[in-house]
PDB file of all heavy atoms in Angstrom:
ATOM      1  N   ALA A   1      48.180  50.733 186.787  1.00  0.00           N
ATOM      2  CA  ALA A   1      48.109  51.658 185.650  1.00  0.00           C
ATOM      3  C   ALA A   1      47.978  50.813 184.362  1.00  0.00           C
ATOM      4  O   ALA A   1      48.591  51.183 183.267  1.00  0.00           O
ATOM      5  CB  ALA A   1      49.362  52.469 185.590  1.00  0.00           C
ATOM      6  N   ILE A   2      47.265  49.764 184.388  1.00  0.00           N
ATOM      7  CA  ILE A   2      46.985  48.925 183.232  1.00  0.00           C
ATOM      8  C   ILE A   2      45.980  49.572 182.226  1.00  0.00           C
ATOM      9  O   ILE A   2      45.131  50.294 182.711  1.00  0.00           O
ATOM     10  CB  ILE A   2      46.500  47.551 183.623  1.00  0.00           C
ATOM     11  CG1 ILE A   2      46.704  46.560 182.462  1.00  0.00           C
ATOM     12  CG2 ILE A   2      44.997  47.567 184.072  1.00  0.00           C
ATOM     13  CD1 ILE A   2      46.532  45.070 182.935  1.00  0.00           C
ATOM     14  N   THR A   3      46.252  49.405 180.972  1.00  0.00           N
ATOM     15  CA  THR A   3      45.315  50.040 179.938  1.00  0.00           C
ATOM     16  C   THR A   3      45.018  48.915 178.923  1.00  0.00           C
ATOM     17  O   THR A   3      45.832  48.158 178.559  1.00  0.00           O
ATOM     18  CB  THR A   3      45.926  51.187 179.266  1.00  0.00           C
ATOM     19  OG1 THR A   3      47.145  50.847 178.684  1.00  0.00           O
ATOM     20  CG2 THR A   3      46.100  52.430 180.223  1.00  0.00           C
ATOM     21  N   ASN A   4      43.736  49.020 178.412  1.00  0.00           N
ATOM     22  CA  ASN A   4      43.360  48.213 177.294  1.00  0.00           C
ATOM     23  C   ASN A   4      43.540  46.748 177.525  1.00  0.00           C
ATOM     24  O   ASN A   4      43.850  46.051 176.490  1.00  0.00           O
ATOM     25  CB  ASN A   4      44.065  48.689 176.055  1.00  0.00           C
ATOM     26  CG  ASN A   4      43.235  48.461 174.790  1.00  0.00           C
ATOM     27  OD1 ASN A   4      42.052  48.695 174.785  1.00  0.00           O
ATOM     28  ND2 ASN A   4      43.932  48.020 173.658  1.00  0.00           N
ATOM     29  N   PHE A   5      43.569  46.289 178.741  1.00  0.00           N
ATOM     30  CA  PHE A   5      43.660  44.858 179.160  1.00  0.00           C
ATOM     31  C   PHE A   5      45.033  44.386 178.729  1.00  0.00           C
ATOM     32  O   PHE A   5      45.348  43.212 178.766  1.00  0.00           O
ATOM     33  CB  PHE A   5      42.642  43.969 178.499  1.00  0.00           C
ATOM     34  CG  PHE A   5      41.223  44.392 178.682  1.00  0.00           C
ATOM     35  CD1 PHE A   5      40.362  44.783 177.617  1.00  0.00           C
ATOM     36  CD2 PHE A   5      40.699  44.444 179.904  1.00  0.00           C
ATOM     37  CE1 PHE A   5      39.124  45.199 177.804  1.00  0.00           C
ATOM     38  CE2 PHE A   5      39.387  44.903 180.201  1.00  0.00           C
ATOM     39  CZ  PHE A   5      38.602  45.231 179.092  1.00  0.00           C
ATOM     40  N   GLN A   6      45.941  45.252 178.291  1.00  0.00           N
ATOM     41  CA  GLN A   6      47.365  44.960 178.047  1.00  0.00           C
ATOM     42  C   GLN A   6      47.478  43.978 176.788  1.00  0.00           C
ATOM     43  O   GLN A   6      48.360  43.183 176.683  1.00  0.00           O
ATOM     44  CB  GLN A   6      48.060  44.325 179.178  1.00  0.00           C
ATOM     45  CG  GLN A   6      49.579  44.484 179.130  1.00  0.00           C
ATOM     46  CD  GLN A   6      50.215  43.799 180.341  1.00  0.00           C
ATOM     47  OE1 GLN A   6      49.845  43.949 181.481  1.00  0.00           O
ATOM     48  NE2 GLN A   6      51.264  43.016 180.143  1.00  0.00           N
ATOM     49  N   VAL A   7      46.498  44.118 175.819  1.00  0.00           N
ATOM     50  CA  VAL A   7      46.426  43.165 174.713  1.00  0.00           C
ATOM     51  C   VAL A   7      46.439  43.842 173.415  1.00  0.00           C
ATOM     52  O   VAL A   7      46.088  45.042 173.262  1.00  0.00           O
ATOM     53  CB  VAL A   7      45.192  42.279 174.801  1.00  0.00           C
ATOM     54  CG1 VAL A   7      45.162  41.436 176.038  1.00  0.00           C
ATOM     55  CG2 VAL A   7      43.865  43.106 174.669  1.00  0.00           C
ATOM     56  N   VAL A   8      46.977  43.163 172.436  1.00  0.00           N
ATOM     57  CA  VAL A   8      46.938  43.638 170.978  1.00  0.00           C
ATOM     58  C   VAL A   8      46.231  42.527 170.209  1.00  0.00           C
ATOM     59  O   VAL A   8      46.493  41.342 170.467  1.00  0.00           O
ATOM     60  CB  VAL A   8      48.306  43.879 170.397  1.00  0.00           C
ATOM     61  CG1 VAL A   8      48.299  44.115 168.957  1.00  0.00           C
ATOM     62  CG2 VAL A   8      49.028  45.100 171.133  1.00  0.00           C
ATOM     63  N   THR A   9      45.338  42.924 169.283  1.00  0.00           N
ATOM     64  CA  THR A   9      44.749  41.901 168.404  1.00  0.00           C
ATOM     65  C   THR A   9      45.527  42.043 167.066  1.00  0.00           C
ATOM     66  O   THR A   9      45.675  43.058 166.510  1.00  0.00           O
ATOM     67  CB  THR A   9      43.235  42.331 168.170  1.00  0.00           C
ATOM     68  OG1 THR A   9      42.567  42.172 169.350  1.00  0.00           O
ATOM     69  CG2 THR A   9      42.645  41.212 167.219  1.00  0.00           C
ATOM     70  N   PHE A  10      45.961  40.861 166.612  1.00  0.00           N
ATOM     71  CA  PHE A  10      46.742  40.796 165.315  1.00  0.00           C
ATOM     72  C   PHE A  10      45.809  40.146 164.296  1.00  0.00           C
ATOM     73  O   PHE A  10      45.156  39.071 164.574  1.00  0.00           O
ATOM     74  CB  PHE A  10      47.986  39.933 165.563  1.00  0.00           C
ATOM     75  CG  PHE A  10      48.955  40.461 166.593  1.00  0.00           C
ATOM     76  CD1 PHE A  10      48.919  40.017 167.949  1.00  0.00           C
ATOM     77  CD2 PHE A  10      49.882  41.417 166.182  1.00  0.00           C
ATOM     78  CE1 PHE A  10      49.794  40.589 168.858  1.00  0.00           C
ATOM     79  CE2 PHE A  10      50.753  41.909 167.174  1.00  0.00           C
ATOM     80  CZ  PHE A  10      50.706  41.470 168.445  1.00  0.00           C
ATOM     81  N   TYR A  11      45.780  40.778 163.091  1.00  0.00           N
ATOM     82  CA  TYR A  11      44.984  40.279 162.020  1.00  0.00           C
ATOM     83  C   TYR A  11      45.996  39.759 160.907  1.00  0.00           C
ATOM     84  O   TYR A  11      46.944  40.394 160.574  1.00  0.00           O
ATOM     85  CB  TYR A  11      44.155  41.430 161.372  1.00  0.00           C
ATOM     86  CG  TYR A  11      43.099  41.890 162.416  1.00  0.00           C
ATOM     87  CD1 TYR A  11      43.502  42.903 163.348  1.00  0.00           C
ATOM     88  CD2 TYR A  11      41.802  41.520 162.322  1.00  0.00           C
ATOM     89  CE1 TYR A  11      42.484  43.337 164.210  1.00  0.00           C
ATOM     90  CE2 TYR A  11      40.856  41.955 163.115  1.00  0.00           C
ATOM     91  CZ  TYR A  11      41.164  42.845 164.146  1.00  0.00           C
ATOM     92  OH  TYR A  11      40.275  43.369 165.046  1.00  0.00           O
ATOM     93  N   PHE A  12      45.627  38.552 160.326  1.00  0.00           N
ATOM     94  CA  PHE A  12      46.481  37.851 159.329  1.00  0.00           C
ATOM     95  C   PHE A  12      45.752  37.785 158.008  1.00  0.00           C
ATOM     96  O   PHE A  12      44.590  37.296 157.994  1.00  0.00           O
ATOM     97  CB  PHE A  12      46.923  36.537 159.907  1.00  0.00           C
ATOM     98  CG  PHE A  12      47.584  36.502 161.234  1.00  0.00           C
ATOM     99  CD1 PHE A  12      46.837  36.420 162.425  1.00  0.00           C
ATOM    100  CD2 PHE A  12      49.014  36.591 161.295  1.00  0.00           C
ATOM    101  CE1 PHE A  12      47.429  36.501 163.709  1.00  0.00           C
ATOM    102  CE2 PHE A  12      49.606  36.633 162.578  1.00  0.00           C
ATOM    103  CZ  PHE A  12      48.812  36.567 163.753  1.00  0.00           C
ATOM    104  N   TYR A  13      46.475  38.136 156.979  1.00  0.00           N
ATOM    105  CA  TYR A  13      45.893  38.072 155.613  1.00  0.00           C
ATOM    106  C   TYR A  13      46.987  37.475 154.740  1.00  0.00           C
ATOM    107  O   TYR A  13      48.151  37.847 154.841  1.00  0.00           O
ATOM    108  CB  TYR A  13      45.517  39.439 155.130  1.00  0.00           C
ATOM    109  CG  TYR A  13      44.586  40.234 156.043  1.00  0.00           C
ATOM    110  CD1 TYR A  13      45.115  41.133 156.941  1.00  0.00           C
ATOM    111  CD2 TYR A  13      43.220  40.139 155.895  1.00  0.00           C
ATOM    112  CE1 TYR A  13      44.286  41.850 157.795  1.00  0.00           C
ATOM    113  CE2 TYR A  13      42.354  40.832 156.709  1.00  0.00           C
ATOM    114  CZ  TYR A  13      42.874  41.699 157.710  1.00  0.00           C
ATOM    115  OH  TYR A  13      42.111  42.459 158.519  1.00  0.00           O
ATOM    116  N   PRO A  14      46.573  36.654 153.704  1.00  0.00           N
ATOM    117  CA  PRO A  14      47.558  36.195 152.747  1.00  0.00           C
ATOM    118  C   PRO A  14      48.027  37.388 151.848  1.00  0.00           C
ATOM    119  O   PRO A  14      47.186  38.292 151.493  1.00  0.00           O
ATOM    120  CB  PRO A  14      46.695  35.216 151.836  1.00  0.00           C
ATOM    121  CG  PRO A  14      45.642  34.855 152.739  1.00  0.00           C
ATOM    122  CD  PRO A  14      45.300  35.981 153.537  1.00  0.00           C
ATOM    123  N   ALA A  15      49.255  37.655 151.615  1.00  0.00           N
ATOM    124  CA  ALA A  15      49.718  38.729 150.879  1.00  0.00           C
ATOM    125  C   ALA A  15      49.462  38.477 149.422  1.00  0.00           C
ATOM    126  O   ALA A  15      49.262  37.339 148.899  1.00  0.00           O
ATOM    127  CB  ALA A  15      51.246  38.859 151.122  1.00  0.00           C
ATOM    128  N   GLU A  16      49.516  39.563 148.651  1.00  0.00           N
ATOM    129  CA  GLU A  16      49.214  39.445 147.167  1.00  0.00           C
ATOM    130  C   GLU A  16      50.195  38.569 146.498  1.00  0.00           C
ATOM    131  O   GLU A  16      49.852  37.989 145.414  1.00  0.00           O
ATOM    132  CB  GLU A  16      49.125  40.871 146.614  1.00  0.00           C
ATOM    133  CG  GLU A  16      47.972  41.661 147.104  1.00  0.00           C
ATOM    134  CD  GLU A  16      47.963  43.067 146.446  1.00  0.00           C
ATOM    135  OE1 GLU A  16      48.891  43.349 145.650  1.00  0.00           O
ATOM    136  OE2 GLU A  16      47.087  43.888 146.769  1.00  0.00           O
ATOM    137  N   ASP A  17      51.366  38.416 146.964  1.00  0.00           N
ATOM    138  CA  ASP A  17      52.374  37.659 146.243  1.00  0.00           C
ATOM    139  C   ASP A  17      52.130  36.074 146.371  1.00  0.00           C
ATOM    140  O   ASP A  17      52.851  35.359 145.784  1.00  0.00           O
ATOM    141  CB  ASP A  17      53.886  38.024 146.745  1.00  0.00           C
ATOM    142  CG  ASP A  17      54.059  37.697 148.161  1.00  0.00           C
ATOM    143  OD1 ASP A  17      53.236  36.970 148.835  1.00  0.00           O
ATOM    144  OD2 ASP A  17      55.063  38.139 148.665  1.00  0.00           O
ATOM    145  N   GLY A  18      51.208  35.697 147.224  1.00  0.00           N
ATOM    146  CA  GLY A  18      50.853  34.327 147.346  1.00  0.00           C
ATOM    147  C   GLY A  18      51.799  33.566 148.188  1.00  0.00           C
ATOM    148  O   GLY A  18      51.614  32.389 148.453  1.00  0.00           O
ATOM    149  N   ARG A  19      52.888  34.217 148.706  1.00  0.00           N
ATOM    150  CA  ARG A  19      53.864  33.432 149.514  1.00  0.00           C
ATOM    151  C   ARG A  19      53.913  33.967 150.952  1.00  0.00           C
ATOM    152  O   ARG A  19      54.164  33.172 151.944  1.00  0.00           O
ATOM    153  CB  ARG A  19      55.306  33.633 148.912  1.00  0.00           C
ATOM    154  CG  ARG A  19      55.509  33.065 147.542  1.00  0.00           C
ATOM    155  CD  ARG A  19      56.920  33.191 147.029  1.00  0.00           C
ATOM    156  NE  ARG A  19      57.442  34.512 147.086  1.00  0.00           N
ATOM    157  CZ  ARG A  19      57.239  35.439 146.185  1.00  0.00           C
ATOM    158  NH1 ARG A  19      56.465  35.172 145.069  1.00  0.00           N
ATOM    159  NH2 ARG A  19      57.762  36.710 146.316  1.00  0.00           N
ATOM    160  N   ASN A  20      53.770  35.261 151.139  1.00  0.00           N
ATOM    161  CA  ASN A  20      53.972  35.838 152.472  1.00  0.00           C
ATOM    162  C   ASN A  20      52.531  36.119 153.153  1.00  0.00           C
ATOM    163  O   ASN A  20      51.503  35.968 152.464  1.00  0.00           O
ATOM    164  CB  ASN A  20      54.771  37.143 152.373  1.00  0.00           C
ATOM    165  CG  ASN A  20      56.146  36.905 151.905  1.00  0.00           C
ATOM    166  OD1 ASN A  20      56.853  36.111 152.519  1.00  0.00           O
ATOM    167  ND2 ASN A  20      56.441  37.476 150.774  1.00  0.00           N
ATOM    168  N   VAL A  21      52.639  36.552 154.409  1.00  0.00           N
ATOM    169  CA  VAL A  21      51.460  36.813 155.154  1.00  0.00           C
ATOM    170  C   VAL A  21      51.549  38.240 155.725  1.00  0.00           C
ATOM    171  O   VAL A  21      52.591  38.667 156.225  1.00  0.00           O
ATOM    172  CB  VAL A  21      51.304  35.870 156.409  1.00  0.00           C
ATOM    173  CG1 VAL A  21      50.069  36.182 157.206  1.00  0.00           C
ATOM    174  CG2 VAL A  21      51.198  34.451 155.866  1.00  0.00           C
ATOM    175  N   ARG A  22      50.507  39.031 155.554  1.00  0.00           N
ATOM    176  CA  ARG A  22      50.439  40.394 155.926  1.00  0.00           C
ATOM    177  C   ARG A  22      49.802  40.422 157.413  1.00  0.00           C
ATOM    178  O   ARG A  22      48.809  39.691 157.611  1.00  0.00           O
ATOM    179  CB  ARG A  22      49.599  41.248 154.996  1.00  0.00           C
ATOM    180  CG  ARG A  22      49.592  42.745 155.385  1.00  0.00           C
ATOM    181  CD  ARG A  22      48.976  43.517 154.193  1.00  0.00           C
ATOM    182  NE  ARG A  22      47.671  43.175 153.924  1.00  0.00           N
ATOM    183  CZ  ARG A  22      46.488  43.768 154.449  1.00  0.00           C
ATOM    184  NH1 ARG A  22      46.646  44.769 155.397  1.00  0.00           N
ATOM    185  NH2 ARG A  22      45.340  43.350 154.136  1.00  0.00           N
ATOM    186  N   ILE A  23      50.498  41.121 158.319  1.00  0.00           N
ATOM    187  CA  ILE A  23      50.038  41.160 159.679  1.00  0.00           C
ATOM    188  C   ILE A  23      49.687  42.555 160.015  1.00  0.00           C
ATOM    189  O   ILE A  23      50.570  43.539 159.810  1.00  0.00           O
ATOM    190  CB  ILE A  23      51.108  40.613 160.707  1.00  0.00           C
ATOM    191  CG1 ILE A  23      51.437  39.119 160.340  1.00  0.00           C
ATOM    192  CG2 ILE A  23      50.551  40.707 162.086  1.00  0.00           C
ATOM    193  CD1 ILE A  23      52.549  38.623 161.139  1.00  0.00           C
ATOM    194  N   VAL A  24      48.517  42.860 160.598  1.00  0.00           N
ATOM    195  CA  VAL A  24      48.086  44.154 161.036  1.00  0.00           C
ATOM    196  C   VAL A  24      47.806  44.055 162.544  1.00  0.00           C
ATOM    197  O   VAL A  24      47.095  43.212 162.995  1.00  0.00           O
ATOM    198  CB  VAL A  24      46.871  44.636 160.286  1.00  0.00           C
ATOM    199  CG1 VAL A  24      46.464  46.048 160.775  1.00  0.00           C
ATOM    200  CG2 VAL A  24      47.072  44.694 158.801  1.00  0.00           C
ATOM    201  N   ALA A  25      48.382  45.023 163.313  1.00  0.00           N
ATOM    202  CA  ALA A  25      48.206  45.042 164.786  1.00  0.00           C
ATOM    203  C   ALA A  25      47.283  46.130 165.131  1.00  0.00           C
ATOM    204  O   ALA A  25      47.291  47.285 164.634  1.00  0.00           O
ATOM    205  CB  ALA A  25      49.569  45.263 165.516  1.00  0.00           C
ATOM    206  N   ASP A  26      46.342  45.857 166.089  1.00  0.00           N
ATOM    207  CA  ASP A  26      45.402  46.824 166.600  1.00  0.00           C
ATOM    208  C   ASP A  26      45.373  46.735 168.066  1.00  0.00           C
ATOM    209  O   ASP A  26      44.895  45.662 168.636  1.00  0.00           O
ATOM    210  CB  ASP A  26      43.998  46.561 166.026  1.00  0.00           C
ATOM    211  CG  ASP A  26      43.018  47.635 166.415  1.00  0.00           C
ATOM    212  OD1 ASP A  26      43.414  48.773 166.852  1.00  0.00           O
ATOM    213  OD2 ASP A  26      41.801  47.351 166.476  1.00  0.00           O
ATOM    214  N   PRO A  27      45.796  47.717 168.851  1.00  0.00           N
ATOM    215  CA  PRO A  27      46.347  49.004 168.372  1.00  0.00           C
ATOM    216  C   PRO A  27      47.791  48.823 167.877  1.00  0.00           C
ATOM    217  O   PRO A  27      48.456  47.910 168.369  1.00  0.00           O
ATOM    218  CB  PRO A  27      46.280  49.914 169.549  1.00  0.00           C
ATOM    219  CG  PRO A  27      46.390  49.016 170.744  1.00  0.00           C
ATOM    220  CD  PRO A  27      45.715  47.729 170.271  1.00  0.00           C
ATOM    221  N   PRO A  28      48.207  49.715 166.937  1.00  0.00           N
ATOM    222  CA  PRO A  28      49.583  49.557 166.431  1.00  0.00           C
ATOM    223  C   PRO A  28      50.606  50.338 167.320  1.00  0.00           C
ATOM    224  O   PRO A  28      50.921  51.402 167.063  1.00  0.00           O
ATOM    225  CB  PRO A  28      49.408  50.212 165.025  1.00  0.00           C
ATOM    226  CG  PRO A  28      48.360  51.222 165.173  1.00  0.00           C
ATOM    227  CD  PRO A  28      47.401  50.683 166.166  1.00  0.00           C
ATOM    228  N   LEU A  29      51.017  49.619 168.373  1.00  0.00           N
ATOM    229  CA  LEU A  29      51.825  50.298 169.350  1.00  0.00           C
ATOM    230  C   LEU A  29      53.150  50.626 168.672  1.00  0.00           C
ATOM    231  O   LEU A  29      53.810  49.715 168.163  1.00  0.00           O
ATOM    232  CB  LEU A  29      52.073  49.373 170.604  1.00  0.00           C
ATOM    233  CG  LEU A  29      50.730  48.929 171.206  1.00  0.00           C
ATOM    234  CD1 LEU A  29      51.136  47.982 172.379  1.00  0.00           C
ATOM    235  CD2 LEU A  29      49.996  50.097 171.784  1.00  0.00           C
ATOM    236  N   PRO A  30      53.621  51.837 168.786  1.00  0.00           N
ATOM    237  CA  PRO A  30      54.815  52.271 167.984  1.00  0.00           C
ATOM    238  C   PRO A  30      56.095  51.495 168.424  1.00  0.00           C
ATOM    239  O   PRO A  30      56.997  51.316 167.551  1.00  0.00           O
ATOM    240  CB  PRO A  30      54.946  53.811 168.263  1.00  0.00           C
ATOM    241  CG  PRO A  30      54.071  54.058 169.467  1.00  0.00           C
ATOM    242  CD  PRO A  30      53.002  52.983 169.491  1.00  0.00           C
ATOM    243  N   GLY A  31      56.205  51.130 169.678  1.00  0.00           N
ATOM    244  CA  GLY A  31      57.386  50.488 170.226  1.00  0.00           C
ATOM    245  C   GLY A  31      57.358  48.993 170.136  1.00  0.00           C
ATOM    246  O   GLY A  31      58.365  48.315 170.570  1.00  0.00           O
ATOM    247  N   LEU A  32      56.370  48.422 169.565  1.00  0.00           N
ATOM    248  CA  LEU A  32      56.267  46.919 169.490  1.00  0.00           C
ATOM    249  C   LEU A  32      56.688  46.454 168.116  1.00  0.00           C
ATOM    250  O   LEU A  32      56.036  46.863 167.061  1.00  0.00           O
ATOM    251  CB  LEU A  32      54.821  46.498 169.744  1.00  0.00           C
ATOM    252  CG  LEU A  32      54.529  45.008 169.764  1.00  0.00           C
ATOM    253  CD1 LEU A  32      55.206  44.302 170.873  1.00  0.00           C
ATOM    254  CD2 LEU A  32      53.059  44.663 169.712  1.00  0.00           C
ATOM    255  N   ARG A  33      57.740  45.674 168.018  1.00  0.00           N
ATOM    256  CA  ARG A  33      58.216  45.213 166.753  1.00  0.00           C
ATOM    257  C   ARG A  33      57.536  43.892 166.396  1.00  0.00           C
ATOM    258  O   ARG A  33      57.316  43.049 167.312  1.00  0.00           O
ATOM    259  CB  ARG A  33      59.735  45.015 166.829  1.00  0.00           C
ATOM    260  CG  ARG A  33      60.566  46.275 166.994  1.00  0.00           C
ATOM    261  CD  ARG A  33      62.026  46.008 166.886  1.00  0.00           C
ATOM    262  NE  ARG A  33      62.467  45.262 165.691  1.00  0.00           N
ATOM    263  CZ  ARG A  33      62.854  43.977 165.624  1.00  0.00           C
ATOM    264  NH1 ARG A  33      62.941  43.224 166.750  1.00  0.00           N
ATOM    265  NH2 ARG A  33      63.259  43.426 164.493  1.00  0.00           N
ATOM    266  N   ILE A  34      57.235  43.686 165.108  1.00  0.00           N
ATOM    267  CA  ILE A  34      56.720  42.379 164.737  1.00  0.00           C
ATOM    268  C   ILE A  34      57.724  41.699 163.759  1.00  0.00           C
ATOM    269  O   ILE A  34      58.079  42.240 162.734  1.00  0.00           O
ATOM    270  CB  ILE A  34      55.362  42.627 163.880  1.00  0.00           C
ATOM    271  CG1 ILE A  34      54.348  43.324 164.861  1.00  0.00           C
ATOM    272  CG2 ILE A  34      54.860  41.391 163.344  1.00  0.00           C
ATOM    273  CD1 ILE A  34      52.987  43.555 164.205  1.00  0.00           C
ATOM    274  N   ASP A  35      58.154  40.527 164.199  1.00  0.00           N
ATOM    275  CA  ASP A  35      59.053  39.722 163.444  1.00  0.00           C
ATOM    276  C   ASP A  35      58.172  38.646 162.734  1.00  0.00           C
ATOM    277  O   ASP A  35      57.778  37.723 163.275  1.00  0.00           O
ATOM    278  CB  ASP A  35      60.068  39.044 164.347  1.00  0.00           C
ATOM    279  CG  ASP A  35      61.114  38.218 163.587  1.00  0.00           C
ATOM    280  OD1 ASP A  35      60.941  38.042 162.324  1.00  0.00           O
ATOM    281  OD2 ASP A  35      62.092  37.769 164.247  1.00  0.00           O
ATOM    282  N   ASN A  36      57.922  38.878 161.455  1.00  0.00           N
ATOM    283  CA  ASN A  36      56.993  38.039 160.644  1.00  0.00           C
ATOM    284  C   ASN A  36      57.712  36.958 159.905  1.00  0.00           C
ATOM    285  O   ASN A  36      58.395  37.273 158.864  1.00  0.00           O
ATOM    286  CB  ASN A  36      56.205  38.972 159.682  1.00  0.00           C
ATOM    287  CG  ASN A  36      55.160  38.238 158.836  1.00  0.00           C
ATOM    288  OD1 ASN A  36      54.994  36.912 159.022  1.00  0.00           O
ATOM    289  ND2 ASN A  36      54.402  38.893 158.091  1.00  0.00           N
ATOM    290  N   ARG A  37      57.658  35.742 160.373  1.00  0.00           N
ATOM    291  CA  ARG A  37      58.316  34.581 159.764  1.00  0.00           C
ATOM    292  C   ARG A  37      57.294  33.615 159.012  1.00  0.00           C
ATOM    293  O   ARG A  37      57.613  32.521 158.665  1.00  0.00           O
ATOM    294  CB  ARG A  37      59.180  33.840 160.698  1.00  0.00           C
ATOM    295  CG  ARG A  37      60.144  34.726 161.513  1.00  0.00           C
ATOM    296  CD  ARG A  37      60.932  33.963 162.580  1.00  0.00           C
ATOM    297  NE  ARG A  37      61.761  34.816 163.369  1.00  0.00           N
ATOM    298  CZ  ARG A  37      62.473  34.376 164.430  1.00  0.00           C
ATOM    299  NH1 ARG A  37      62.353  33.078 164.710  1.00  0.00           N
ATOM    300  NH2 ARG A  37      63.227  35.259 165.067  1.00  0.00           N
ATOM    301  N   LEU A  38      56.077  34.079 158.981  1.00  0.00           N
ATOM    302  CA  LEU A  38      55.007  33.287 158.333  1.00  0.00           C
ATOM    303  C   LEU A  38      55.130  33.134 156.889  1.00  0.00           C
ATOM    304  O   LEU A  38      55.510  34.063 156.221  1.00  0.00           O
ATOM    305  CB  LEU A  38      53.643  33.884 158.721  1.00  0.00           C
ATOM    306  CG  LEU A  38      53.139  33.708 160.168  1.00  0.00           C
ATOM    307  CD1 LEU A  38      51.941  34.673 160.479  1.00  0.00           C
ATOM    308  CD2 LEU A  38      52.813  32.215 160.473  1.00  0.00           C
ATOM    309  N   ARG A  39      54.726  31.971 156.428  1.00  0.00           N
ATOM    310  CA  ARG A  39      54.589  31.760 155.052  1.00  0.00           C
ATOM    311  C   ARG A  39      53.220  31.152 154.688  1.00  0.00           C
ATOM    312  O   ARG A  39      52.690  30.337 155.456  1.00  0.00           O
ATOM    313  CB  ARG A  39      55.689  30.815 154.498  1.00  0.00           C
ATOM    314  CG  ARG A  39      57.145  31.488 154.578  1.00  0.00           C
ATOM    315  CD  ARG A  39      57.240  32.670 153.641  1.00  0.00           C
ATOM    316  NE  ARG A  39      58.591  33.274 153.675  1.00  0.00           N
ATOM    317  CZ  ARG A  39      58.850  34.321 154.511  1.00  0.00           C
ATOM    318  NH1 ARG A  39      57.908  34.846 155.248  1.00  0.00           N
ATOM    319  NH2 ARG A  39      60.067  34.776 154.561  1.00  0.00           N
ATOM    320  N   VAL A  40      52.706  31.373 153.491  1.00  0.00           N
ATOM    321  CA  VAL A  40      51.452  30.939 153.070  1.00  0.00           C
ATOM    322  C   VAL A  40      51.599  29.341 152.583  1.00  0.00           C
ATOM    323  O   VAL A  40      52.660  29.125 151.910  1.00  0.00           O
ATOM    324  CB  VAL A  40      50.825  31.685 151.966  1.00  0.00           C
ATOM    325  CG1 VAL A  40      49.615  30.924 151.274  1.00  0.00           C
ATOM    326  CG2 VAL A  40      50.441  33.082 152.465  1.00  0.00           C
ATOM    327  N   GLN A  41      50.706  28.560 153.000  1.00  0.00           N
ATOM    328  CA  GLN A  41      50.720  27.193 152.513  1.00  0.00           C
ATOM    329  C   GLN A  41      49.395  26.853 151.997  1.00  0.00           C
ATOM    330  O   GLN A  41      48.368  27.165 152.495  1.00  0.00           O
ATOM    331  CB  GLN A  41      51.040  26.267 153.626  1.00  0.00           C
ATOM    332  CG  GLN A  41      51.054  24.806 153.350  1.00  0.00           C
ATOM    333  CD  GLN A  41      51.502  23.931 154.530  1.00  0.00           C
ATOM    334  OE1 GLN A  41      52.651  23.900 155.009  1.00  0.00           O
ATOM    335  NE2 GLN A  41      50.522  23.098 155.100  1.00  0.00           N
ATOM    336  N   GLN A  42      49.358  26.189 150.797  1.00  0.00           N
ATOM    337  CA  GLN A  42      48.084  25.848 150.230  1.00  0.00           C
ATOM    338  C   GLN A  42      47.296  24.964 151.151  1.00  0.00           C
ATOM    339  O   GLN A  42      47.815  23.935 151.730  1.00  0.00           O
ATOM    340  CB  GLN A  42      48.293  25.084 148.914  1.00  0.00           C
ATOM    341  CG  GLN A  42      48.956  25.974 147.797  1.00  0.00           C
ATOM    342  CD  GLN A  42      48.086  27.167 147.512  1.00  0.00           C
ATOM    343  OE1 GLN A  42      46.905  27.088 147.308  1.00  0.00           O
ATOM    344  NE2 GLN A  42      48.659  28.428 147.447  1.00  0.00           N
ATOM    345  N   GLY A  43      45.970  25.305 151.286  1.00  0.00           N
ATOM    346  CA  GLY A  43      45.169  24.478 152.132  1.00  0.00           C
ATOM    347  C   GLY A  43      43.946  25.211 152.668  1.00  0.00           C
ATOM    348  O   GLY A  43      43.828  26.433 152.569  1.00  0.00           O
ATOM    349  N   ALA A  44      43.092  24.372 153.266  1.00  0.00           N
ATOM    350  CA  ALA A  44      41.798  24.998 153.895  1.00  0.00           C
ATOM    351  C   ALA A  44      42.101  25.753 155.094  1.00  0.00           C
ATOM    352  O   ALA A  44      43.131  25.519 155.754  1.00  0.00           O
ATOM    353  CB  ALA A  44      40.781  23.821 154.198  1.00  0.00           C
ATOM    354  N   CYS A  45      41.149  26.616 155.501  1.00  0.00           N
ATOM    355  CA  CYS A  45      41.323  27.511 156.651  1.00  0.00           C
ATOM    356  C   CYS A  45      40.930  26.745 157.878  1.00  0.00           C
ATOM    357  O   CYS A  45      39.963  26.944 158.492  1.00  0.00           O
ATOM    358  CB  CYS A  45      40.528  28.778 156.514  1.00  0.00           C
ATOM    359  SG  CYS A  45      40.875  30.039 157.714  1.00  0.00           S
ATOM    360  N   THR A  46      41.789  25.843 158.297  1.00  0.00           N
ATOM    361  CA  THR A  46      41.542  24.912 159.477  1.00  0.00           C
ATOM    362  C   THR A  46      42.869  24.783 160.190  1.00  0.00           C
ATOM    363  O   THR A  46      43.922  25.274 159.922  1.00  0.00           O
ATOM    364  CB  THR A  46      41.096  23.508 159.080  1.00  0.00           C
ATOM    365  OG1 THR A  46      42.036  22.982 158.172  1.00  0.00           O
ATOM    366  CG2 THR A  46      39.721  23.622 158.305  1.00  0.00           C
ATOM    367  N   GLY A  47      42.772  24.023 161.346  1.00  0.00           N
ATOM    368  CA  GLY A  47      44.001  23.797 162.153  1.00  0.00           C
ATOM    369  C   GLY A  47      44.111  24.742 163.315  1.00  0.00           C
ATOM    370  O   GLY A  47      43.593  25.887 163.399  1.00  0.00           O
TER     371      GLY A  47
END
């Protein structure tokens, strides 16, 4: 009874405050909690 390959795609964006990171889940499963401990660090989009 598997659906959707059992995966969620998470999208990451720098928040407007310049310190935090906004995370969007697709699909946004209602019972899946996201504990967001990410912080923005100055630098190129590498790594």
